[in-house]
Protein backbone atom coordinates (compact mmCIF):
# COMPACT_ATOMS: atom_id res chain seq x y z
CA MET A 1 -8.21 -25.57 -2.45
CA ALA A 2 -10.40 -23.90 -0.47
CA ARG A 3 -11.65 -23.74 3.54
CA VAL A 4 -15.04 -24.77 3.80
CA LEU A 5 -17.47 -24.53 6.94
CA VAL A 6 -19.63 -27.53 6.83
CA ILE A 7 -22.83 -26.90 9.02
CA GLU A 8 -24.86 -30.32 9.22
CA ASP A 9 -26.43 -31.78 12.23
CA GLU A 10 -26.55 -35.28 11.35
CA PRO A 11 -23.20 -36.78 11.89
CA ASN A 12 -23.09 -39.29 9.14
CA MET A 13 -23.80 -36.71 6.70
CA ARG A 14 -20.79 -34.67 8.20
CA ARG A 15 -18.46 -37.50 7.76
CA LEU A 16 -19.43 -38.14 4.15
CA ILE A 17 -19.41 -34.56 3.33
CA GLY A 18 -16.09 -34.14 4.23
CA LEU A 19 -14.71 -37.53 3.02
CA HIS A 20 -15.79 -36.07 -0.62
CA LEU A 21 -14.54 -32.62 -0.20
CA ARG A 22 -11.06 -33.95 0.90
CA GLN A 23 -10.69 -35.68 -1.92
CA ASP A 24 -9.89 -32.32 -3.65
CA GLY A 25 -7.65 -30.92 -1.13
CA HIS A 26 -10.29 -28.58 0.60
CA THR A 27 -9.56 -27.67 4.66
CA ILE A 28 -12.98 -28.94 6.20
CA HIS A 29 -14.35 -27.29 9.74
CA SER A 30 -17.76 -29.12 10.93
CA VAL A 31 -20.36 -27.89 13.01
CA GLU A 32 -23.61 -28.92 14.08
CA SER A 33 -25.53 -25.77 14.73
CA LEU A 34 -26.14 -22.17 13.55
CA ARG A 35 -24.98 -21.11 17.22
CA GLU A 36 -21.91 -22.91 16.27
CA ALA A 37 -21.46 -21.70 12.84
CA GLN A 38 -21.70 -17.97 14.23
CA GLN A 39 -19.03 -18.30 16.53
CA THR A 40 -16.96 -19.88 14.39
CA LEU A 41 -17.20 -17.18 11.71
CA GLU A 42 -16.39 -14.53 14.45
CA GLN A 43 -12.53 -16.30 14.52
CA GLN A 44 -12.07 -17.41 11.28
CA ASP A 45 -12.85 -16.76 7.83
CA PHE A 46 -13.80 -19.44 5.18
CA ASP A 47 -14.20 -19.83 1.45
CA VAL A 48 -17.18 -21.80 1.36
CA ILE A 49 -20.15 -22.11 4.03
CA LEU A 50 -22.00 -25.45 3.39
CA THR A 51 -24.98 -25.41 5.75
CA ASP A 52 -28.31 -27.54 5.98
CA GLN A 53 -31.16 -25.65 5.60
CA LYS A 54 -32.87 -27.45 8.57
CA LEU A 55 -31.10 -26.77 11.53
CA PRO A 56 -31.79 -27.44 15.50
CA ASP A 57 -31.66 -23.57 15.96
CA GLY A 58 -33.32 -22.58 13.03
CA GLU A 59 -32.86 -22.36 9.39
CA GLY A 60 -29.52 -22.37 7.19
CA SER A 61 -30.63 -19.81 5.12
CA ARG A 62 -30.30 -17.07 7.93
CA LEU A 63 -26.64 -17.19 7.76
CA LEU A 64 -26.98 -14.75 4.77
CA GLU A 65 -28.63 -12.03 7.16
CA MET A 66 -25.78 -12.76 10.26
CA PRO A 67 -22.96 -10.43 10.90
CA GLY A 68 -19.90 -12.60 9.98
CA SER A 69 -20.97 -14.73 7.19
CA ALA A 70 -23.01 -12.21 5.18
CA GLY A 71 -20.15 -9.34 5.12
CA SER A 72 -17.44 -12.25 4.37
CA THR A 73 -15.86 -13.05 1.47
CA GLY A 74 -17.47 -16.76 1.99
CA THR A 75 -19.97 -17.99 -0.23
CA VAL A 76 -22.65 -19.73 0.86
CA VAL A 77 -24.19 -22.95 -0.83
CA LEU A 78 -27.27 -24.29 0.86
CA LEU A 79 -28.11 -28.38 1.57
CA THR A 80 -31.70 -29.61 2.12
CA ALA A 81 -33.74 -32.78 1.70
CA PHE A 82 -36.86 -30.09 0.83
CA GLY A 83 -35.72 -28.94 -2.38
CA THR A 84 -38.68 -26.52 -3.80
CA VAL A 85 -38.07 -23.76 -6.45
CA GLU A 86 -39.48 -21.55 -4.20
CA LEU A 87 -36.51 -22.14 -1.63
CA ALA A 88 -33.91 -21.81 -4.00
CA VAL A 89 -35.09 -18.26 -5.50
CA GLU A 90 -35.65 -16.99 -1.85
CA ALA A 91 -32.14 -18.07 -1.12
CA MET A 92 -30.73 -16.44 -3.75
CA ARG A 93 -32.09 -13.32 -3.33
CA LYS A 94 -30.59 -13.32 0.22
CA GLY A 95 -27.27 -14.30 -1.76
CA ALA A 96 -27.01 -17.90 -1.59
CA PHE A 97 -24.30 -18.98 -4.28
CA ASP A 98 -26.13 -22.38 -4.96
CA PHE A 99 -28.61 -24.97 -3.58
CA LEU A 100 -28.06 -28.51 -3.34
CA THR A 101 -30.69 -31.32 -2.45
CA LYS A 102 -30.55 -34.65 -0.65
CA PRO A 103 -29.50 -37.51 -1.44
CA PHE A 104 -26.82 -35.60 -3.63
CA ALA A 105 -23.96 -37.01 -6.10
CA ALA A 106 -20.94 -36.65 -4.92
CA ASP A 107 -19.44 -35.37 -8.29
CA ASN A 108 -22.24 -32.79 -8.34
CA LEU A 109 -21.23 -31.93 -4.74
CA ARG A 110 -17.58 -31.44 -5.36
CA ALA A 111 -18.31 -29.32 -8.93
CA VAL A 112 -20.74 -26.73 -6.83
CA ILE A 113 -18.02 -26.36 -4.05
CA ALA A 114 -15.24 -26.17 -6.84
CA ARG A 115 -17.08 -23.27 -8.13
CA ALA A 116 -17.95 -21.73 -5.16
CA ALA A 117 -14.44 -21.56 -4.01
CA GLN A 118 -13.64 -19.91 -7.60
CA HIS A 119 -16.56 -17.47 -6.98
CA ALA A 120 -15.27 -16.39 -3.25
CA GLN A 121 -11.53 -15.68 -4.60
CA LEU A 122 -13.01 -13.47 -7.27
CA ARG A 123 -14.82 -11.50 -5.21
CA ARG A 124 -11.97 -10.85 -2.75
CA GLU A 125 -10.03 -9.86 -6.02
CA ASN A 126 -12.68 -6.87 -6.35
CA LEU A 127 -12.71 -5.94 -2.68
CA LEU A 128 -9.02 -5.46 -3.27
CA LEU A 129 -9.72 -3.28 -6.35
CA ARG A 130 -11.96 -1.17 -4.43
CA ASN A 131 -9.53 -0.70 -1.56
CA THR A 132 -6.46 -0.38 -3.41
CA VAL A 133 -5.39 3.44 -3.84
CA GLU A 134 -4.18 4.56 -7.35
CA ALA A 135 -0.48 3.94 -8.47
CA LEU A 136 1.86 6.52 -8.56
CA GLU A 137 3.72 7.59 -11.93
CA GLY A 138 4.99 4.47 -13.96
CA ASP A 139 4.01 1.07 -14.32
CA GLY A 140 6.16 -0.45 -11.55
CA GLU A 141 9.41 -0.34 -12.84
CA ILE A 142 12.40 1.62 -11.51
CA TYR A 143 13.64 4.32 -14.69
CA GLY A 144 17.22 5.38 -14.60
CA THR A 145 20.75 4.29 -15.13
CA GLY A 146 22.60 5.96 -12.78
CA THR A 147 24.67 4.72 -9.80
CA ARG A 148 22.03 5.90 -7.44
CA ILE A 149 19.20 4.09 -8.79
CA ALA A 150 21.27 0.87 -9.48
CA ALA A 151 21.92 0.48 -6.07
CA LEU A 152 18.38 0.87 -5.42
CA ARG A 153 17.51 -1.48 -7.52
CA GLU A 154 20.25 -3.76 -5.96
CA LEU A 155 18.71 -3.28 -2.73
CA ILE A 156 14.94 -4.10 -3.57
CA ARG A 157 16.23 -7.51 -5.01
CA ARG A 158 18.03 -8.50 -2.13
CA VAL A 159 14.68 -7.70 0.15
CA GLY A 160 12.39 -8.74 -2.25
CA ARG A 161 13.17 -12.41 -1.77
CA THR A 162 12.57 -12.12 1.88
CA ASP A 163 9.76 -12.05 4.04
CA ALA A 164 11.33 -8.84 5.97
CA THR A 165 9.13 -5.86 6.98
CA VAL A 166 10.80 -3.05 4.95
CA LEU A 167 11.08 1.07 5.83
CA ILE A 168 10.91 3.34 2.37
CA THR A 169 11.85 6.70 2.81
CA GLY A 170 12.15 9.60 0.67
CA GLU A 171 10.96 13.07 0.10
CA THR A 172 7.74 13.39 -1.40
CA GLY A 173 7.18 12.36 -5.08
CA THR A 174 10.42 10.39 -5.06
CA GLY A 175 8.19 7.10 -6.22
CA LYS A 176 8.10 5.51 -2.84
CA GLU A 177 4.92 3.42 -3.87
CA LEU A 178 6.92 2.10 -7.04
CA VAL A 179 9.41 0.48 -5.17
CA ALA A 180 6.85 -1.31 -2.62
CA ARG A 181 5.30 -2.68 -6.00
CA ALA A 182 8.65 -3.79 -7.17
CA ILE A 183 9.72 -5.31 -3.77
CA HIS A 184 6.31 -7.02 -3.74
CA LYS A 185 6.41 -8.42 -6.99
CA LEU A 186 9.73 -10.08 -6.60
CA SER A 187 8.45 -11.84 -3.46
CA ALA A 188 6.93 -15.26 -2.52
CA ARG A 189 3.49 -13.21 -2.34
CA ALA A 190 3.70 -11.90 -5.94
CA THR A 191 0.52 -13.80 -6.93
CA LYS A 192 -1.32 -12.65 -3.73
CA PRO A 193 -2.95 -9.29 -3.51
CA LEU A 194 -0.57 -5.95 -2.67
CA VAL A 195 -3.25 -3.30 -0.88
CA THR A 196 -2.04 -0.04 -0.43
CA VAL A 197 -3.61 2.57 2.03
CA ASN A 198 -2.39 6.17 2.55
CA CYS A 199 -2.25 6.68 5.82
CA ALA A 200 -2.34 10.48 5.66
CA ALA A 201 -5.53 10.65 3.64
CA LEU A 202 -7.84 9.05 6.37
CA PRO A 203 -9.05 10.37 9.96
CA ASP A 204 -7.37 8.55 12.88
CA THR A 205 -10.86 6.70 13.50
CA LEU A 206 -11.28 5.71 9.97
CA LEU A 207 -7.96 4.92 9.34
CA GLU A 208 -7.97 2.27 12.47
CA SER A 209 -11.48 0.68 10.82
CA GLU A 210 -9.87 0.40 7.11
CA LEU A 211 -6.74 -1.21 8.48
CA PHE A 212 -8.37 -3.56 11.12
CA GLY A 213 -12.26 -3.82 10.08
CA HIS A 214 -14.96 -2.90 12.12
CA GLU A 215 -18.16 -5.14 13.73
CA LYS A 216 -21.60 -4.18 13.09
CA GLY A 217 -22.65 -1.38 15.53
CA ALA A 218 -18.90 -0.44 16.40
CA PHE A 219 -19.53 2.90 15.69
CA THR A 220 -22.34 5.68 14.29
CA GLY A 221 -22.54 4.66 10.79
CA ALA A 222 -21.46 1.00 11.24
CA ASP A 223 -24.33 -0.43 9.93
CA ARG A 224 -22.48 -3.61 8.58
CA LEU A 225 -19.67 -5.70 9.50
CA ARG A 226 -16.34 -5.12 7.53
CA HIS A 227 -12.98 -6.56 6.72
CA GLY A 228 -10.14 -4.88 7.23
CA LEU A 229 -7.14 -4.26 4.76
CA PHE A 230 -5.08 -6.90 6.99
CA GLU A 231 -7.46 -9.25 6.27
CA THR A 232 -7.77 -7.99 2.68
CA ALA A 233 -4.25 -8.83 2.16
CA HIS A 234 -3.93 -12.33 4.22
CA GLN A 235 -0.93 -13.92 2.53
CA GLY A 236 -0.11 -10.76 0.28
CA THR A 237 1.12 -7.38 1.23
CA LEU A 238 -0.07 -4.60 3.04
CA PHE A 239 1.96 -1.13 1.99
CA LEU A 240 1.35 1.75 4.59
CA ASP A 241 2.13 4.64 3.07
CA GLU A 242 3.17 7.92 5.08
CA VAL A 243 3.18 5.73 8.03
CA GLY A 244 4.40 8.70 10.48
CA GLU A 245 0.86 10.43 10.17
CA MET A 246 -0.55 7.36 12.14
CA SER A 247 -2.18 8.37 15.68
CA PRO A 248 -0.55 6.62 18.97
CA ASN A 249 -3.74 4.13 19.01
CA ALA A 250 -3.55 3.16 15.64
CA GLN A 251 0.57 2.94 16.19
CA ALA A 252 -0.09 0.05 19.16
CA LYS A 253 -2.47 -1.82 17.43
CA LEU A 254 -0.01 -1.54 14.21
CA LEU A 255 2.82 -2.63 16.43
CA ARG A 256 0.65 -5.78 17.65
CA ALA A 257 -0.29 -6.97 14.17
CA LEU A 258 3.47 -7.19 13.32
CA ALA A 259 4.81 -8.40 16.44
CA GLU A 260 1.75 -11.19 16.66
CA GLY A 261 0.81 -11.92 13.40
CA LYS A 262 -3.10 -10.57 14.99
CA ILE A 263 -5.57 -8.05 14.62
CA THR A 264 -8.80 -7.10 16.18
CA ARG A 265 -11.93 -5.35 14.42
CA LEU A 266 -12.77 -2.21 15.97
CA GLY A 267 -16.28 -2.99 18.47
CA SER A 268 -14.69 -6.78 18.76
CA SER A 269 -12.55 -8.58 20.98
CA VAL A 270 -11.92 -11.50 19.39
CA SER A 271 -8.56 -11.84 18.14
CA ARG A 272 -7.55 -12.89 14.44
CA ASP A 273 -4.93 -14.29 13.17
CA VAL A 274 -3.26 -12.83 9.79
CA ASP A 275 -0.59 -13.36 7.27
CA VAL A 276 0.39 -10.31 5.72
CA ARG A 277 4.11 -9.09 4.83
CA VAL A 278 3.81 -5.18 5.72
CA LEU A 279 6.09 -2.47 3.36
CA LEU A 280 6.08 1.11 4.95
CA ALA A 281 6.76 4.53 3.49
CA THR A 282 7.35 8.22 5.24
CA HIS A 283 9.19 11.28 4.04
CA ARG A 284 9.37 11.97 7.85
CA ASN A 285 12.46 11.52 9.90
CA LEU A 286 11.09 8.93 12.15
CA LEU A 287 14.07 8.73 14.74
CA ARG A 288 13.18 12.69 15.33
CA GLU A 289 9.87 11.75 15.72
CA VAL A 290 10.34 9.14 18.23
CA GLU A 291 12.77 11.77 19.89
CA ALA A 292 9.81 14.43 19.89
CA GLY A 293 7.53 11.45 21.10
CA ARG A 294 5.41 11.48 18.35
CA PHE A 295 6.21 8.13 17.25
CA ARG A 296 6.75 4.98 19.18
CA GLN A 297 10.23 3.65 19.57
CA ASP A 298 9.41 -0.07 19.77
CA LEU A 299 7.38 0.51 16.67
CA TYR A 300 10.28 2.27 15.15
CA TYR A 301 12.83 -0.60 15.58
CA ARG A 302 10.28 -3.26 14.12
CA LEU A 303 9.49 -1.18 11.14
CA ALA A 304 13.24 -0.51 10.25
CA VAL A 305 14.28 -3.72 10.10
CA VAL A 306 15.26 -3.21 6.19
CA PRO A 307 15.55 0.47 5.62
CA VAL A 308 15.62 1.31 1.79
CA GLU A 309 15.75 5.21 0.97
CA VAL A 310 14.98 6.57 -2.38
CA PRO A 311 17.01 9.41 -3.51
CA PRO A 312 15.43 12.76 -4.68
CA LEU A 313 15.41 13.64 -8.50
CA ARG A 314 17.63 16.34 -8.01
CA GLU A 315 20.53 13.88 -7.17
CA ARG A 316 20.28 11.81 -9.69
CA ALA A 317 20.36 13.98 -12.72
CA GLU A 318 21.77 11.51 -15.16
CA ASP A 319 18.36 9.59 -15.15
CA ILE A 320 16.30 12.18 -16.42
CA PRO A 321 16.27 11.58 -19.85
CA VAL A 322 15.48 7.87 -20.03
CA LEU A 323 12.66 9.13 -17.12
CA ALA A 324 11.15 11.45 -19.15
CA LYS A 325 11.11 9.26 -22.30
CA HIS A 326 8.91 6.79 -20.63
CA LEU A 327 7.05 9.27 -18.92
CA LEU A 328 6.16 11.26 -22.03
CA GLN A 329 5.34 7.60 -23.72
CA GLN A 330 2.99 7.21 -20.53
CA ILE A 331 1.45 10.82 -21.17
CA ALA A 332 0.74 10.04 -24.91
CA SER A 333 -1.23 6.95 -23.74
CA ASP A 334 -3.04 8.89 -21.17
CA LEU A 335 -4.27 11.74 -23.00
CA LYS A 336 -4.51 9.99 -26.13
CA MET A 337 -2.01 11.94 -28.14
CA PRO A 338 1.30 11.40 -30.51
CA VAL A 339 4.61 11.08 -27.88
CA ARG A 340 6.45 14.43 -27.74
CA THR A 341 10.09 14.45 -27.69
CA LEU A 342 12.58 16.76 -26.38
CA HIS A 343 14.84 19.28 -27.96
CA ALA A 344 18.49 19.09 -26.37
CA LYS A 345 18.16 22.54 -24.71
CA ALA A 346 14.76 21.55 -22.87
CA LEU A 347 16.46 18.26 -21.85
CA LYS A 348 19.09 20.04 -20.44
CA GLU A 349 17.20 22.69 -18.54
CA LEU A 350 15.05 19.92 -16.99
CA GLN A 351 18.36 18.24 -15.59
CA GLU A 352 19.46 21.21 -14.23
CA TYR A 353 16.27 22.28 -12.25
CA ARG A 354 16.09 21.20 -8.77
CA TYR A 355 12.78 19.45 -8.32
CA PRO A 356 11.43 20.02 -4.75
CA GLY A 357 8.31 17.93 -6.11
CA ASN A 358 10.45 15.14 -7.32
CA VAL A 359 9.36 12.63 -10.27
CA ARG A 360 5.96 14.13 -9.28
CA GLU A 361 6.93 17.56 -10.39
CA LEU A 362 8.42 16.49 -13.79
CA ARG A 363 5.61 14.20 -14.91
CA ASN A 364 3.55 17.25 -14.07
CA VAL A 365 5.91 19.83 -16.44
CA LEU A 366 5.91 17.37 -19.28
CA GLU A 367 2.27 17.00 -19.10
CA ARG A 368 1.44 20.74 -18.96
CA ALA A 369 4.01 20.86 -21.76
CA CYS A 370 2.63 18.21 -23.94
CA ILE A 371 -1.01 19.60 -23.52
CA LEU A 372 0.11 23.40 -24.46
CA SER A 373 2.87 22.67 -27.18
CA ALA A 374 1.44 22.43 -30.62
CA ASP A 375 4.89 20.94 -32.04
CA PRO A 376 5.77 17.18 -31.86
CA VAL A 377 8.89 18.75 -30.46
CA ILE A 378 8.95 20.34 -26.75
CA PHE A 379 11.41 23.30 -26.82
CA SER A 380 12.78 24.93 -23.53
CA VAL A 381 10.22 27.83 -24.17
CA ASN A 382 7.63 25.45 -23.18
CA LEU A 383 8.88 24.02 -20.13
CA PRO A 384 7.64 25.90 -16.63
CA THR A 385 10.72 24.84 -15.01
CA ALA A 386 13.22 27.05 -12.91
CA SER A 387 13.56 30.21 -15.47
CA ALA A 388 9.58 30.13 -15.67
CA ALA A 389 8.84 29.33 -12.02
CA THR A 390 11.12 31.39 -10.37
CA PRO A 391 11.98 34.61 -12.42
CA ASN A 392 15.30 36.20 -11.72
CA PRO A 393 15.00 38.92 -9.10
CA ALA A 394 15.21 42.76 -9.77
CA VAL A 395 18.73 44.28 -9.28
CA PRO A 396 18.69 47.35 -7.08
CA GLU A 397 20.65 50.23 -8.41
CA GLU A 398 23.28 49.46 -5.80
CA MET A 399 24.51 46.66 -3.89
CA ASP A 400 27.28 44.83 -2.02
CA LEU A 401 27.49 41.69 -4.65
CA ARG A 402 30.10 40.11 -2.42
CA LYS A 403 27.81 40.19 0.47
CA ALA A 404 24.94 39.24 -1.33
CA LEU A 405 26.71 36.03 -2.66
CA ALA A 406 27.95 35.53 0.72
CA ASP A 407 24.97 35.72 2.46
CA TRP A 408 23.11 33.49 0.04
CA GLU A 409 26.06 30.77 0.53
CA LYS A 410 25.42 30.75 3.93
CA SER A 411 21.97 30.80 3.72
CA ALA A 412 22.37 27.55 1.04
CA ILE A 413 25.02 25.74 3.72
CA VAL A 414 22.17 26.32 6.74
CA GLN A 415 19.28 24.45 4.83
CA MET A 416 21.21 22.05 3.61
CA LEU A 417 22.72 21.41 7.22
CA GLY A 418 19.04 21.15 8.06
CA ARG A 419 18.06 18.85 5.50
CA THR A 420 20.68 16.18 6.51
CA HIS A 421 19.98 16.74 10.26
CA GLY A 422 23.49 18.20 10.95
CA ARG A 423 25.45 15.77 9.13
CA LYS A 424 28.33 17.61 7.53
CA ALA A 425 29.84 15.04 5.26
CA GLU A 426 26.43 14.47 3.70
CA ALA A 427 25.59 18.27 3.65
CA ALA A 428 29.07 18.71 1.60
CA ARG A 429 28.69 16.15 -0.52
CA ARG A 430 24.82 17.13 -1.67
CA LEU A 431 26.37 20.98 -2.17
CA GLY A 432 29.67 19.74 -4.21
CA LEU A 433 31.96 21.09 -1.47
CA SER A 434 34.91 19.11 -0.35
CA LYS A 435 35.22 17.89 3.74
CA SER A 436 37.64 20.59 4.34
CA ASP A 437 35.76 23.23 2.48
CA MET A 438 32.75 22.74 4.19
CA THR A 439 34.96 22.78 7.43
CA TYR A 440 36.60 26.20 6.11
CA LYS A 441 33.05 27.69 5.55
CA LEU A 442 31.50 26.45 8.88
CA ALA A 443 34.26 28.69 10.20
CA LYS A 444 33.98 31.42 7.99
CA TYR A 445 30.22 32.24 8.57
CA GLU A 446 30.23 31.31 12.23
CA ILE A 447 27.62 28.15 11.60
CA SER A 448 28.04 25.81 15.12
CA LEU A 449 26.62 22.57 15.03
CA PRO A 450 25.53 20.61 17.56
CA GLU A 451 28.67 18.63 19.33
CA GLU A 452 27.41 15.03 18.58
CA GLU A 453 26.28 16.22 14.80
CA SER A 454 29.58 17.92 13.46
């Protein structure tokens, strides 16, 4: 079923066209002139535009050169009583999809509009492919067998069935986009577009144009109308990665889009309705960003309807065997080489490494090993992990080992408290300490915490 704009100045012909097309379930909006058509196209999008060639204020083919229609994903079909080969060829050259002459057969009209609607859908899908960034590692599946990943899968299943806004948090490289894709696949919007954009990869002005679109002439270089990603993702899902990098102005516009379901293109004063589910991700602590005045508080509470935290790889070492196996298969396919396997000692070393770059770093390590290893089995010597990447420091001729170990332990505790934002219990858990051990060591090393976070 398509949304069809009919531009016809003769009332009986408008009614006849509407009667035929509504039989196929199409939604029809009719106007009488080019001026009315242009005003309508500035406020609404259509799958098909069916226009008479001879109108009171000009030729229907002019729509192909007007902002709001030439830049639209809508498909234009011309209707005229003066059908000539020359006019048909010229209309096709300008971008028309098809050409009908009056009088027309009802079945012919319905068939042309059906093909035009299908063509419009294909154009939207092509636009989606151009605007979607490459997926992160994996094929959309969340790999792992541990309790942390099982809890994550269960949360994904719960939120996937809803239309709620989801804030996905986690360190860089943990696979936040994979989580977004899994949520989209489980939603009622799974057959509609999933559009992704990395907010950190675009300058402020370009990001606003990407998200909300712009009119021709809105700024230097805007030589044509551009639909934003909110419009591209209509009835689907929009995934905003690194949302914590957005400028205050972009944050304000995003808040309005979420609160009201409306967007405004740059250079326009006309609001447009959008039906989009928004998923967001960030490696930043947005509450801290709110406290620092870098992120809007009202936007944060609008985003964090359902927070989903993706655990770092170092906290789920039990998942590394199945994850490494999947990545090795993926690497073999990408590099067109036989699938490598891991020696037991190499796998153990992989599980003991801390992975500051998370899953992305694990793939990098395995890909390098696959390229450099001539054997079907990857041994620990082929892995540039902890031992290779961080050589053991030289031991001086004399040293106070107890003091060195104590200094290192104190430093580790302070760093972990920083990562957990002062949450003592969480820091103890990550360090493998009991709560009483942590309390003792805080006192021993005279490490003080803010009262509200201790």
